[in-house]
Amino acid sequence: MASYVLNRLISALTTLLLIITITFILMHAIPGGPFDQEKAVSAQITQNIKEHYHLSDPLWRQYVDYLKEIVHLNLGPSYKYPDSSVNDLIREGFPVSAAIGLLAVLLAVAIGIPAGILAALRHSKWQDNLVMLVAIFGVSIPSFIAATLLQYCFAYKWQLFPAALWGTPAHLVLPVLALSALPLAFFARLIRSSMLDVLSQDYIRTARSKGLSEATVVLRHVLKNTLIPFITVLGPMLANLLTGTFVIERIFAIPGLGNYFVNSIYNRDYFVILGLTVFYASILLMLNLAVDIVYAAVDPRIKLASKEE
Protein backbone atom coordinates (compact mmCIF):
# COMPACT_ATOMS: atom_id res chain seq x y z
CA MET A 1 0.00 0.00 0.00
CA ALA A 2 2.84 2.40 0.83
CA SER A 3 4.45 1.98 -2.59
CA TYR A 4 1.07 2.43 -4.26
CA VAL A 5 0.43 5.70 -2.39
CA LEU A 6 3.96 6.90 -3.21
CA ASN A 7 3.44 6.19 -6.92
CA ARG A 8 0.14 8.04 -6.87
CA LEU A 9 1.74 11.01 -5.12
CA ILE A 10 4.45 11.19 -7.80
CA SER A 11 1.77 10.97 -10.48
CA ALA A 12 -0.25 13.71 -8.76
CA LEU A 13 2.76 16.03 -8.54
CA THR A 14 3.52 15.44 -12.21
CA THR A 15 -0.06 16.22 -13.13
CA LEU A 16 0.01 19.36 -10.99
CA LEU A 17 3.20 20.55 -12.72
CA LEU A 18 1.55 19.98 -16.09
CA ILE A 19 -1.52 21.96 -15.01
CA ILE A 20 0.65 24.85 -13.81
CA THR A 21 2.59 24.88 -17.08
CA ILE A 22 -0.47 24.80 -19.32
CA THR A 23 -2.27 27.46 -17.28
CA PHE A 24 0.82 29.69 -17.30
CA ILE A 25 1.20 29.40 -21.07
CA LEU A 26 -2.47 30.00 -21.85
CA MET A 27 -2.68 32.90 -19.43
CA HIS A 28 0.21 34.76 -21.06
CA ALA A 29 -0.92 33.83 -24.58
CA ILE A 30 -4.06 35.96 -24.19
CA PRO A 31 -3.49 39.49 -25.56
CA GLY A 32 -3.24 42.26 -23.00
CA GLY A 33 -2.03 42.38 -19.44
CA PRO A 34 -3.21 43.28 -15.94
CA PHE A 35 -2.16 46.93 -16.23
CA ASP A 36 -2.90 47.64 -19.89
CA GLN A 37 -6.30 49.14 -19.04
CA GLU A 38 -4.86 51.67 -16.58
CA LYS A 39 -5.41 54.81 -18.69
CA ALA A 40 -5.21 57.22 -15.76
CA VAL A 41 -1.47 56.68 -15.26
CA SER A 42 1.48 57.36 -17.52
CA ALA A 43 3.37 54.77 -19.50
CA GLN A 44 6.39 55.18 -17.23
CA ILE A 45 4.35 54.45 -14.11
CA THR A 46 2.82 51.41 -15.78
CA GLN A 47 6.30 50.20 -16.72
CA ASN A 48 7.51 50.70 -13.14
CA ILE A 49 4.56 48.66 -11.85
CA LYS A 50 5.36 45.85 -14.28
CA GLU A 51 8.97 45.85 -13.19
CA HIS A 52 7.89 45.75 -9.55
CA TYR A 53 5.89 42.57 -10.22
CA HIS A 54 8.63 41.22 -12.57
CA LEU A 55 6.22 41.22 -15.52
CA SER A 56 8.98 42.65 -17.71
CA ASP A 57 11.15 39.58 -17.17
CA PRO A 58 11.29 36.86 -19.84
CA LEU A 59 8.46 34.36 -19.55
CA TRP A 60 10.80 31.49 -18.77
CA ARG A 61 12.20 33.41 -15.80
CA GLN A 62 8.70 34.27 -14.55
CA TYR A 63 7.79 30.60 -14.83
CA VAL A 64 10.87 29.42 -12.92
CA ASP A 65 10.40 32.08 -10.23
CA TYR A 66 6.78 31.05 -9.78
CA LEU A 67 7.72 27.38 -9.38
CA LYS A 68 10.24 28.39 -6.70
CA GLU A 69 7.49 30.25 -4.82
CA ILE A 70 5.11 27.29 -5.18
CA VAL A 71 7.64 25.04 -3.44
CA HIS A 72 7.45 27.38 -0.44
CA LEU A 73 3.61 27.40 -0.66
CA ASN A 74 3.64 31.06 -1.66
CA LEU A 75 1.08 31.64 -4.42
CA GLY A 76 2.13 35.22 -5.08
CA PRO A 77 0.57 38.69 -4.78
CA SER A 78 -2.67 39.99 -6.23
CA TYR A 79 -2.76 42.90 -8.67
CA LYS A 80 -6.42 43.67 -8.01
CA TYR A 81 -6.06 43.50 -4.22
CA PRO A 82 -2.60 45.03 -3.57
CA ASP A 83 -2.83 44.60 0.21
CA SER A 84 -3.59 40.88 -0.07
CA SER A 85 -1.70 37.89 -1.39
CA VAL A 86 -3.31 34.92 -3.10
CA ASN A 87 -2.83 32.97 0.12
CA ASP A 88 -4.81 35.66 1.95
CA LEU A 89 -7.63 35.46 -0.61
CA ILE A 90 -7.79 31.68 -0.22
CA ARG A 91 -7.83 31.95 3.58
CA GLU A 92 -10.69 34.43 3.28
CA GLY A 93 -12.73 32.83 0.53
CA PHE A 94 -12.21 29.09 0.95
CA PRO A 95 -14.02 28.73 4.31
CA VAL A 96 -17.07 30.38 2.76
CA SER A 97 -17.04 28.20 -0.36
CA ALA A 98 -16.23 25.10 1.69
CA ALA A 99 -19.12 25.69 4.10
CA ILE A 100 -21.64 25.94 1.28
CA GLY A 101 -20.07 23.09 -0.70
CA LEU A 102 -19.81 20.70 2.24
CA LEU A 103 -23.40 21.32 3.32
CA ALA A 104 -24.57 20.84 -0.27
CA VAL A 105 -22.73 17.51 -0.52
CA LEU A 106 -24.07 16.31 2.83
CA LEU A 107 -27.60 17.21 1.80
CA ALA A 108 -27.17 15.53 -1.59
CA VAL A 109 -25.80 12.36 0.02
CA ALA A 110 -28.40 12.29 2.80
CA ILE A 111 -31.30 12.50 0.34
CA GLY A 112 -29.85 11.19 -2.93
CA ILE A 113 -28.59 7.81 -1.69
CA PRO A 114 -31.79 6.78 0.15
CA ALA A 115 -33.86 8.01 -2.82
CA GLY A 116 -31.78 5.93 -5.24
CA ILE A 117 -32.05 2.86 -3.01
CA LEU A 118 -35.81 3.31 -2.72
CA ALA A 119 -36.15 3.67 -6.49
CA ALA A 120 -34.14 0.50 -7.12
CA LEU A 121 -36.02 -1.58 -4.54
CA ARG A 122 -39.38 -0.33 -5.92
CA HIS A 123 -38.33 -0.61 -9.55
CA SER A 124 -41.08 0.30 -12.05
CA LYS A 125 -43.43 1.28 -9.23
CA TRP A 126 -44.71 4.72 -8.31
CA GLN A 127 -41.85 5.33 -5.89
CA ASP A 128 -39.33 4.68 -8.66
CA ASN A 129 -41.21 6.89 -11.10
CA LEU A 130 -41.46 9.73 -8.58
CA VAL A 131 -37.75 9.63 -7.70
CA MET A 132 -36.75 9.54 -11.37
CA LEU A 133 -39.11 12.40 -12.22
CA VAL A 134 -37.59 14.59 -9.51
CA ALA A 135 -34.09 13.52 -10.56
CA ILE A 136 -34.74 14.45 -14.18
CA PHE A 137 -35.82 17.93 -13.09
CA GLY A 138 -32.75 18.25 -10.85
CA VAL A 139 -30.37 17.31 -13.66
CA SER A 140 -32.15 19.30 -16.38
CA ILE A 141 -32.69 22.63 -14.63
CA PRO A 142 -29.51 24.80 -14.69
CA SER A 143 -28.21 25.93 -11.32
CA PHE A 144 -28.81 29.62 -12.08
CA ILE A 145 -32.47 28.88 -12.87
CA ALA A 146 -32.86 26.91 -9.64
CA ALA A 147 -31.17 29.70 -7.67
CA THR A 148 -33.42 32.34 -9.23
CA LEU A 149 -36.57 30.33 -8.49
CA LEU A 150 -35.50 29.80 -4.90
CA GLN A 151 -34.82 33.51 -4.49
CA TYR A 152 -38.20 34.44 -5.93
CA CYS A 153 -40.21 31.95 -3.88
CA PHE A 154 -38.44 31.87 -0.53
CA ALA A 155 -36.96 35.37 -0.40
CA TYR A 156 -39.16 37.80 -2.35
CA LYS A 157 -42.59 36.15 -2.26
CA TRP A 158 -42.67 34.36 1.09
CA GLN A 159 -39.75 36.24 2.72
CA LEU A 160 -38.53 33.21 4.64
CA PHE A 161 -34.80 33.56 3.93
CA PRO A 162 -32.41 36.32 2.82
CA ALA A 163 -32.16 36.72 -0.94
CA ALA A 164 -28.39 37.23 -1.00
CA LEU A 165 -25.25 38.31 0.87
CA TRP A 166 -23.49 36.49 3.70
CA GLY A 167 -23.32 36.58 7.46
CA THR A 168 -25.90 34.43 9.26
CA PRO A 169 -26.93 30.76 9.08
CA ALA A 170 -30.09 31.85 7.26
CA HIS A 171 -27.91 33.05 4.36
CA LEU A 172 -26.76 29.45 3.87
CA VAL A 173 -30.16 27.93 3.11
CA LEU A 174 -30.89 29.08 -0.43
CA PRO A 175 -27.33 28.71 -1.81
CA VAL A 176 -27.05 25.21 -0.33
CA LEU A 177 -30.41 24.16 -1.79
CA ALA A 178 -29.49 25.55 -5.21
CA LEU A 179 -26.03 23.99 -5.14
CA SER A 180 -27.23 20.56 -3.95
CA ALA A 181 -29.96 20.11 -6.58
CA LEU A 182 -27.69 18.73 -9.31
CA PRO A 183 -25.54 16.37 -7.18
CA LEU A 184 -28.65 15.14 -5.33
CA ALA A 185 -30.36 14.18 -8.58
CA PHE A 186 -27.15 12.72 -9.99
CA PHE A 187 -26.51 10.60 -6.88
CA ALA A 188 -30.08 9.27 -6.90
CA ARG A 189 -29.83 8.19 -10.53
CA LEU A 190 -26.36 6.72 -10.08
CA ILE A 191 -27.28 4.71 -6.98
CA ARG A 192 -30.46 3.46 -8.65
CA SER A 193 -28.73 2.25 -11.82
CA SER A 194 -25.80 0.74 -9.91
CA MET A 195 -28.08 -1.02 -7.45
CA LEU A 196 -30.28 -2.45 -10.22
CA ASP A 197 -27.15 -3.85 -11.86
CA VAL A 198 -25.97 -5.44 -8.60
CA LEU A 199 -29.42 -6.88 -7.86
CA SER A 200 -29.33 -8.76 -11.17
CA GLN A 201 -26.04 -10.55 -10.37
CA ASP A 202 -25.91 -14.29 -9.74
CA TYR A 203 -24.45 -14.00 -6.24
CA ILE A 204 -27.48 -11.98 -5.15
CA ARG A 205 -29.78 -14.74 -6.38
CA THR A 206 -27.62 -17.23 -4.48
CA ALA A 207 -27.86 -15.17 -1.29
CA ARG A 208 -31.64 -15.03 -1.61
CA SER A 209 -31.86 -18.76 -2.30
CA LYS A 210 -30.07 -19.39 1.01
CA GLY A 211 -33.06 -17.89 2.79
CA LEU A 212 -31.45 -14.62 3.81
CA SER A 213 -33.85 -11.79 4.51
CA GLU A 214 -34.14 -8.97 1.98
CA ALA A 215 -32.67 -6.50 4.48
CA THR A 216 -29.62 -8.73 5.02
CA VAL A 217 -29.12 -9.17 1.27
CA VAL A 218 -29.33 -5.43 0.66
CA LEU A 219 -27.17 -4.30 3.59
CA ARG A 220 -24.51 -7.02 3.43
CA HIS A 221 -24.20 -7.78 -0.28
CA VAL A 222 -25.83 -5.07 -2.40
CA LEU A 223 -24.89 -1.75 -0.84
CA LYS A 224 -21.16 -2.41 -0.65
CA ASN A 225 -20.83 -2.97 -4.39
CA THR A 226 -23.37 -0.28 -5.18
CA LEU A 227 -21.26 2.39 -3.51
CA ILE A 228 -18.17 1.81 -5.69
CA PRO A 229 -19.37 3.96 -8.64
CA PHE A 230 -20.62 6.53 -6.12
CA ILE A 231 -17.19 6.81 -4.50
CA THR A 232 -15.67 7.33 -7.96
CA VAL A 233 -17.67 10.48 -8.67
CA LEU A 234 -17.75 11.78 -5.09
CA GLY A 235 -14.12 12.92 -5.08
CA PRO A 236 -14.23 15.24 -8.13
CA MET A 237 -17.70 16.53 -7.25
CA LEU A 238 -16.67 17.27 -3.67
CA ALA A 239 -13.59 19.15 -4.92
CA ASN A 240 -15.74 21.17 -7.30
CA LEU A 241 -18.26 22.14 -4.63
CA LEU A 242 -15.70 22.83 -1.91
CA THR A 243 -13.68 25.26 -4.01
CA GLY A 244 -16.68 27.30 -5.05
CA THR A 245 -19.34 27.33 -7.74
CA PHE A 246 -18.99 30.56 -9.68
CA VAL A 247 -22.62 30.97 -10.75
CA ILE A 248 -24.15 30.35 -7.32
CA GLU A 249 -21.70 32.65 -5.57
CA ARG A 250 -22.36 35.37 -8.13
CA ILE A 251 -26.15 35.12 -7.85
CA PHE A 252 -26.17 35.17 -4.04
CA ALA A 253 -23.29 37.69 -3.74
CA ILE A 254 -21.23 35.25 -1.68
CA PRO A 255 -17.60 36.25 -0.99
CA GLY A 256 -16.13 32.86 -1.87
CA LEU A 257 -13.36 31.60 -4.13
CA GLY A 258 -15.62 31.60 -7.17
CA ASN A 259 -16.08 35.34 -6.91
CA TYR A 260 -12.32 35.92 -6.70
CA PHE A 261 -11.66 33.63 -9.64
CA VAL A 262 -14.16 35.38 -11.91
CA ASN A 263 -12.76 38.79 -10.99
CA SER A 264 -9.20 37.58 -11.55
CA ILE A 265 -10.00 36.51 -15.12
CA TYR A 266 -11.71 39.82 -15.86
CA ASN A 267 -8.79 41.81 -14.41
CA ARG A 268 -6.03 39.54 -15.79
CA ASP A 269 -4.83 38.99 -12.24
CA TYR A 270 -2.24 36.40 -13.21
CA PHE A 271 -1.18 35.24 -9.76
CA VAL A 272 -4.77 34.81 -8.58
CA ILE A 273 -5.66 32.82 -11.69
CA LEU A 274 -2.63 30.59 -11.25
CA GLY A 275 -2.98 30.32 -7.48
CA LEU A 276 -6.64 29.35 -7.48
CA THR A 277 -6.05 26.89 -10.32
CA VAL A 278 -3.21 25.28 -8.37
CA PHE A 279 -5.33 25.23 -5.21
CA TYR A 280 -8.30 23.65 -6.97
CA ALA A 281 -6.12 21.10 -8.78
CA SER A 282 -4.38 20.14 -5.53
CA ILE A 283 -7.67 19.47 -3.77
CA LEU A 284 -8.93 17.47 -6.75
CA LEU A 285 -5.78 15.33 -6.90
CA MET A 286 -5.79 14.72 -3.14
CA LEU A 287 -9.44 13.67 -3.18
CA ASN A 288 -8.82 11.35 -6.13
CA LEU A 289 -5.98 9.75 -4.15
CA ALA A 290 -8.29 9.39 -1.15
CA VAL A 291 -10.90 7.74 -3.39
CA ASP A 292 -8.35 5.18 -4.60
CA ILE A 293 -7.41 4.36 -1.02
CA VAL A 294 -11.06 3.99 -0.01
CA TYR A 295 -11.51 1.57 -2.91
CA ALA A 296 -9.25 -0.92 -1.16
CA ALA A 297 -11.47 -0.82 1.92
CA VAL A 298 -14.71 -1.16 -0.04
CA ASP A 299 -13.70 -3.74 -2.67
CA PRO A 300 -11.37 -6.58 -1.54
CA ARG A 301 -10.68 -7.46 -5.19
CA ILE A 302 -8.62 -4.27 -5.50
CA LYS A 303 -6.38 -5.44 -2.62
CA LEU A 304 -5.89 -8.80 -4.32
CA ALA A 305 -5.04 -7.13 -7.62
CA SER A 306 -2.44 -4.88 -5.98
CA LYS A 307 -0.80 -7.85 -4.25
CA GLU A 308 -0.61 -9.81 -7.49
CA GLU A 309 1.06 -6.86 -9.22
Foldseek 3Di string as FASTA:
>chain_A
DVVVLVVLVVVLVVVLVVLLVVLLVVLVVDPDALCPPVPVDDPVVVVVVCVVQVVPPDSVVVSVVCVVCVVVVFLAAWPVDRVDRLVRLCVVFLVQLQVLLVLLVVVLCVQQQVLLVVLQVQPPDPSVVVLLVQLVVLQPDDLLNQLVVCLVPCPVPVNPADNADDDDPSRSPSLSVSLNSNSSSVSSVLLNVLLNVQCPDPVLVVVVVVVDDPVCSCVPPRPLRSCLVVLQPCLLSSLVSSQHDQSSCVRRVPSHLSVVCVVCVVSSGPSNVSVSSSVSSVSSSVSNSVSVVVCVVSDVVVVVVVVVD
